[in-house]
Amino acid sequence: MNVLSPLGLAPREVRPLARRRSSLRGLTIGILDNSKPNADALLGRTAEILAERAGAGAVRWWRKPGSSRPASVIDEVARASDVVLTGSAD
């Protein structure tokens, strides 16, 4: 009999949280859409509100080919954005 453990392996390295911005004024917002239904609506509206209320700047979009697929564009998103929104919706 084979017994499989449901526990994954977590990296032992602890990284500090990203530096928080004091303001979003003029900053580029990156959106990483995970392709789930309504994720584009949720993230798009959130970006609109940030632009209206906090003066955020341009919005750039990336879309994963499927919600269960890895995001192969992470480095590109990080280079092209000051702040990034990502999330899940259904």
N, C-alpha and C. Protein backbone atom coordinates (compact mmCIF):
# COMPACT_ATOMS: atom_id res chain seq x y z
N MET A 1 0.84 -1.16 0.00
CA MET A 1 0.00 0.00 0.00
C MET A 1 0.90 1.23 0.00
N ASN A 2 0.58 2.19 -0.88
CA ASN A 2 1.26 3.48 -0.90
C ASN A 2 0.41 4.51 -0.21
N VAL A 3 0.99 5.22 0.73
CA VAL A 3 0.29 6.31 1.41
C VAL A 3 0.91 7.60 0.92
N LEU A 4 0.10 8.48 0.37
CA LEU A 4 0.59 9.75 -0.15
C LEU A 4 0.23 10.87 0.81
N SER A 5 1.17 11.75 1.01
CA SER A 5 0.93 12.90 1.88
C SER A 5 0.36 14.06 1.06
N PRO A 6 -0.69 14.71 1.56
CA PRO A 6 -1.26 15.87 0.86
C PRO A 6 -0.47 17.15 1.12
N LEU A 7 0.54 17.07 1.96
CA LEU A 7 1.32 18.25 2.30
C LEU A 7 2.32 18.57 1.20
N GLY A 8 2.37 19.82 0.82
CA GLY A 8 3.34 20.25 -0.18
C GLY A 8 4.61 20.70 0.52
N LEU A 9 5.61 20.95 -0.28
CA LEU A 9 6.86 21.47 0.27
C LEU A 9 6.86 22.97 0.11
N ALA A 10 7.06 23.66 1.19
CA ALA A 10 7.12 25.12 1.16
C ALA A 10 8.57 25.57 1.17
N PRO A 11 8.87 26.63 0.43
CA PRO A 11 10.25 27.12 0.46
C PRO A 11 10.61 27.61 1.86
N ARG A 12 11.83 27.37 2.25
CA ARG A 12 12.27 27.78 3.58
C ARG A 12 12.68 29.24 3.63
N GLU A 13 12.97 29.80 2.47
CA GLU A 13 13.39 31.21 2.42
C GLU A 13 12.19 32.11 2.67
N VAL A 14 12.34 33.03 3.61
CA VAL A 14 11.29 34.00 3.89
C VAL A 14 11.71 35.31 3.25
N ARG A 15 10.87 35.83 2.40
CA ARG A 15 11.18 37.09 1.72
C ARG A 15 10.38 38.22 2.36
N PRO A 16 10.96 39.40 2.40
CA PRO A 16 10.21 40.54 2.96
C PRO A 16 9.07 40.94 2.02
N LEU A 17 8.07 41.58 2.58
CA LEU A 17 6.97 42.10 1.77
C LEU A 17 7.50 43.19 0.85
N ALA A 18 6.82 43.39 -0.26
CA ALA A 18 7.20 44.45 -1.19
C ALA A 18 7.02 45.80 -0.51
N ARG A 19 7.86 46.73 -0.90
CA ARG A 19 7.78 48.10 -0.37
C ARG A 19 6.43 48.70 -0.74
N ARG A 20 5.77 49.30 0.21
CA ARG A 20 4.47 49.92 -0.04
C ARG A 20 4.65 51.35 -0.51
N ARG A 21 3.85 51.74 -1.47
CA ARG A 21 3.90 53.10 -2.00
C ARG A 21 3.10 54.03 -1.10
N SER A 22 3.57 55.26 -0.97
CA SER A 22 2.83 56.23 -0.17
C SER A 22 1.64 56.79 -0.95
N SER A 23 1.68 56.69 -2.28
CA SER A 23 0.61 57.21 -3.13
C SER A 23 0.60 56.40 -4.43
N LEU A 24 -0.56 56.31 -5.05
CA LEU A 24 -0.67 55.66 -6.35
C LEU A 24 -0.69 56.68 -7.49
N ARG A 25 -0.61 57.96 -7.15
CA ARG A 25 -0.70 59.03 -8.15
C ARG A 25 0.30 58.81 -9.28
N GLY A 26 -0.25 58.66 -10.50
CA GLY A 26 0.56 58.54 -11.70
C GLY A 26 1.22 57.19 -11.92
N LEU A 27 1.06 56.26 -11.01
CA LEU A 27 1.72 54.96 -11.15
C LEU A 27 0.99 54.05 -12.14
N THR A 28 1.75 53.23 -12.83
CA THR A 28 1.17 52.27 -13.77
C THR A 28 0.65 51.05 -13.01
N ILE A 29 -0.60 50.72 -13.28
CA ILE A 29 -1.23 49.56 -12.65
C ILE A 29 -1.15 48.39 -13.63
N GLY A 30 -0.57 47.30 -13.22
CA GLY A 30 -0.57 46.08 -14.00
C GLY A 30 -1.69 45.18 -13.54
N ILE A 31 -2.38 44.57 -14.47
CA ILE A 31 -3.45 43.64 -14.13
C ILE A 31 -3.10 42.28 -14.71
N LEU A 32 -3.07 41.28 -13.85
CA LEU A 32 -2.86 39.90 -14.28
C LEU A 32 -4.18 39.16 -14.09
N ASP A 33 -4.87 38.97 -15.19
CA ASP A 33 -6.18 38.31 -15.22
C ASP A 33 -5.95 36.80 -15.28
N ASN A 34 -6.55 36.05 -14.35
CA ASN A 34 -6.32 34.61 -14.33
C ASN A 34 -7.27 33.83 -15.25
N SER A 35 -8.07 34.51 -16.02
CA SER A 35 -8.97 33.92 -17.02
C SER A 35 -10.24 33.29 -16.44
N LYS A 36 -10.48 33.44 -15.16
CA LYS A 36 -11.73 32.92 -14.61
C LYS A 36 -12.86 33.87 -15.00
N PRO A 37 -14.08 33.35 -15.08
CA PRO A 37 -15.21 34.22 -15.42
C PRO A 37 -15.31 35.40 -14.45
N ASN A 38 -15.48 36.57 -14.99
CA ASN A 38 -15.66 37.82 -14.25
C ASN A 38 -14.38 38.38 -13.63
N ALA A 39 -13.25 37.71 -13.76
CA ALA A 39 -12.00 38.27 -13.23
C ALA A 39 -11.69 39.59 -13.92
N ASP A 40 -11.93 39.66 -15.23
CA ASP A 40 -11.66 40.90 -15.96
C ASP A 40 -12.54 42.04 -15.45
N ALA A 41 -13.81 41.75 -15.15
CA ALA A 41 -14.72 42.77 -14.64
C ALA A 41 -14.28 43.24 -13.25
N LEU A 42 -13.95 42.31 -12.38
CA LEU A 42 -13.51 42.64 -11.02
C LEU A 42 -12.24 43.48 -11.04
N LEU A 43 -11.23 43.02 -11.76
CA LEU A 43 -9.94 43.71 -11.78
C LEU A 43 -10.04 45.04 -12.53
N GLY A 44 -10.79 45.07 -13.62
CA GLY A 44 -10.95 46.31 -14.39
C GLY A 44 -11.64 47.39 -13.58
N ARG A 45 -12.69 47.01 -12.88
CA ARG A 45 -13.42 48.01 -12.07
C ARG A 45 -12.54 48.49 -10.91
N THR A 46 -11.78 47.58 -10.32
CA THR A 46 -10.86 47.97 -9.24
C THR A 46 -9.85 48.98 -9.75
N ALA A 47 -9.30 48.75 -10.93
CA ALA A 47 -8.33 49.68 -11.52
C ALA A 47 -8.99 51.03 -11.80
N GLU A 48 -10.22 51.04 -12.30
CA GLU A 48 -10.95 52.29 -12.54
C GLU A 48 -11.10 53.09 -11.25
N ILE A 49 -11.47 52.41 -10.18
CA ILE A 49 -11.65 53.09 -8.89
C ILE A 49 -10.32 53.66 -8.39
N LEU A 50 -9.24 52.90 -8.56
CA LEU A 50 -7.93 53.41 -8.15
C LEU A 50 -7.54 54.64 -8.95
N ALA A 51 -7.86 54.66 -10.23
CA ALA A 51 -7.57 55.83 -11.05
C ALA A 51 -8.40 57.03 -10.59
N GLU A 52 -9.68 56.80 -10.34
CA GLU A 52 -10.57 57.89 -9.92
C GLU A 52 -10.22 58.44 -8.54
N ARG A 53 -10.03 57.57 -7.58
CA ARG A 53 -9.86 57.99 -6.18
C ARG A 53 -8.42 58.27 -5.77
N ALA A 54 -7.47 57.60 -6.41
CA ALA A 54 -6.08 57.74 -5.98
C ALA A 54 -5.18 58.34 -7.06
N GLY A 55 -5.76 58.65 -8.22
CA GLY A 55 -4.98 59.28 -9.27
C GLY A 55 -3.98 58.36 -9.95
N ALA A 56 -4.23 57.05 -9.90
CA ALA A 56 -3.33 56.10 -10.56
C ALA A 56 -3.30 56.39 -12.06
N GLY A 57 -2.21 55.99 -12.69
CA GLY A 57 -2.00 56.29 -14.10
C GLY A 57 -2.49 55.19 -15.02
N ALA A 58 -1.66 54.88 -16.01
CA ALA A 58 -2.01 53.91 -17.05
C ALA A 58 -2.27 52.53 -16.46
N VAL A 59 -3.08 51.76 -17.18
CA VAL A 59 -3.39 50.38 -16.80
C VAL A 59 -2.91 49.47 -17.92
N ARG A 60 -2.13 48.44 -17.58
CA ARG A 60 -1.66 47.44 -18.54
C ARG A 60 -2.24 46.09 -18.14
N TRP A 61 -2.63 45.30 -19.15
CA TRP A 61 -3.29 44.01 -18.93
C TRP A 61 -2.45 42.85 -19.43
N TRP A 62 -2.49 41.76 -18.67
CA TRP A 62 -1.97 40.47 -19.10
C TRP A 62 -3.02 39.44 -18.72
N ARG A 63 -3.15 38.42 -19.52
CA ARG A 63 -4.16 37.38 -19.26
C ARG A 63 -3.51 36.01 -19.35
N LYS A 64 -3.69 35.22 -18.31
CA LYS A 64 -3.20 33.84 -18.34
C LYS A 64 -4.04 33.04 -19.33
N PRO A 65 -3.45 32.00 -19.94
CA PRO A 65 -4.22 31.19 -20.89
C PRO A 65 -5.29 30.33 -20.21
N GLY A 66 -5.26 30.22 -18.92
CA GLY A 66 -6.25 29.46 -18.17
C GLY A 66 -5.96 29.59 -16.69
N SER A 67 -6.98 29.49 -15.86
CA SER A 67 -6.79 29.71 -14.43
C SER A 67 -5.87 28.68 -13.78
N SER A 68 -5.80 27.49 -14.34
CA SER A 68 -4.94 26.46 -13.75
C SER A 68 -3.55 26.44 -14.37
N ARG A 69 -3.30 27.31 -15.31
CA ARG A 69 -2.00 27.38 -15.99
C ARG A 69 -1.09 28.37 -15.26
N PRO A 70 0.21 28.13 -15.28
CA PRO A 70 1.12 29.07 -14.62
C PRO A 70 1.17 30.41 -15.35
N ALA A 71 1.50 31.44 -14.61
CA ALA A 71 1.64 32.77 -15.19
C ALA A 71 3.08 32.93 -15.67
N SER A 72 3.30 32.71 -16.94
CA SER A 72 4.66 32.76 -17.48
C SER A 72 5.13 34.19 -17.73
N VAL A 73 4.28 35.18 -17.47
CA VAL A 73 4.62 36.58 -17.75
C VAL A 73 4.96 37.37 -16.50
N ILE A 74 5.18 36.71 -15.39
CA ILE A 74 5.41 37.41 -14.12
C ILE A 74 6.53 38.44 -14.21
N ASP A 75 7.65 38.07 -14.79
CA ASP A 75 8.77 39.01 -14.89
C ASP A 75 8.40 40.22 -15.74
N GLU A 76 7.69 40.00 -16.83
CA GLU A 76 7.26 41.11 -17.69
C GLU A 76 6.30 42.03 -16.95
N VAL A 77 5.35 41.45 -16.24
CA VAL A 77 4.39 42.24 -15.46
C VAL A 77 5.13 43.09 -14.43
N ALA A 78 6.07 42.50 -13.74
CA ALA A 78 6.82 43.23 -12.71
C ALA A 78 7.63 44.37 -13.31
N ARG A 79 8.24 44.15 -14.46
CA ARG A 79 9.05 45.20 -15.09
C ARG A 79 8.19 46.36 -15.59
N ALA A 80 6.99 46.08 -16.08
CA ALA A 80 6.17 47.08 -16.75
C ALA A 80 5.18 47.78 -15.82
N SER A 81 5.11 47.39 -14.56
CA SER A 81 4.09 47.91 -13.65
C SER A 81 4.73 48.45 -12.38
N ASP A 82 4.08 49.47 -11.83
CA ASP A 82 4.48 49.98 -10.51
C ASP A 82 3.77 49.21 -9.40
N VAL A 83 2.51 48.88 -9.64
CA VAL A 83 1.71 48.08 -8.73
C VAL A 83 0.92 47.08 -9.57
N VAL A 84 0.57 45.93 -8.98
CA VAL A 84 -0.11 44.88 -9.74
C VAL A 84 -1.35 44.42 -9.00
N LEU A 85 -2.43 44.26 -9.76
CA LEU A 85 -3.66 43.67 -9.26
C LEU A 85 -3.81 42.29 -9.87
N THR A 86 -4.12 41.33 -9.06
CA THR A 86 -4.48 40.02 -9.57
C THR A 86 -5.48 39.44 -8.60
N GLY A 87 -6.26 38.51 -9.04
CA GLY A 87 -7.27 37.95 -8.17
C GLY A 87 -8.04 36.89 -8.90
N SER A 88 -9.07 36.43 -8.27
CA SER A 88 -9.88 35.34 -8.79
C SER A 88 -11.34 35.74 -8.72
N ALA A 89 -12.10 35.30 -9.67
CA ALA A 89 -13.54 35.59 -9.65
C ALA A 89 -14.27 34.44 -10.32
N ASP A 90 -15.52 34.35 -10.07
CA ASP A 90 -16.40 33.36 -10.72
C ASP A 90 -17.78 33.95 -10.85
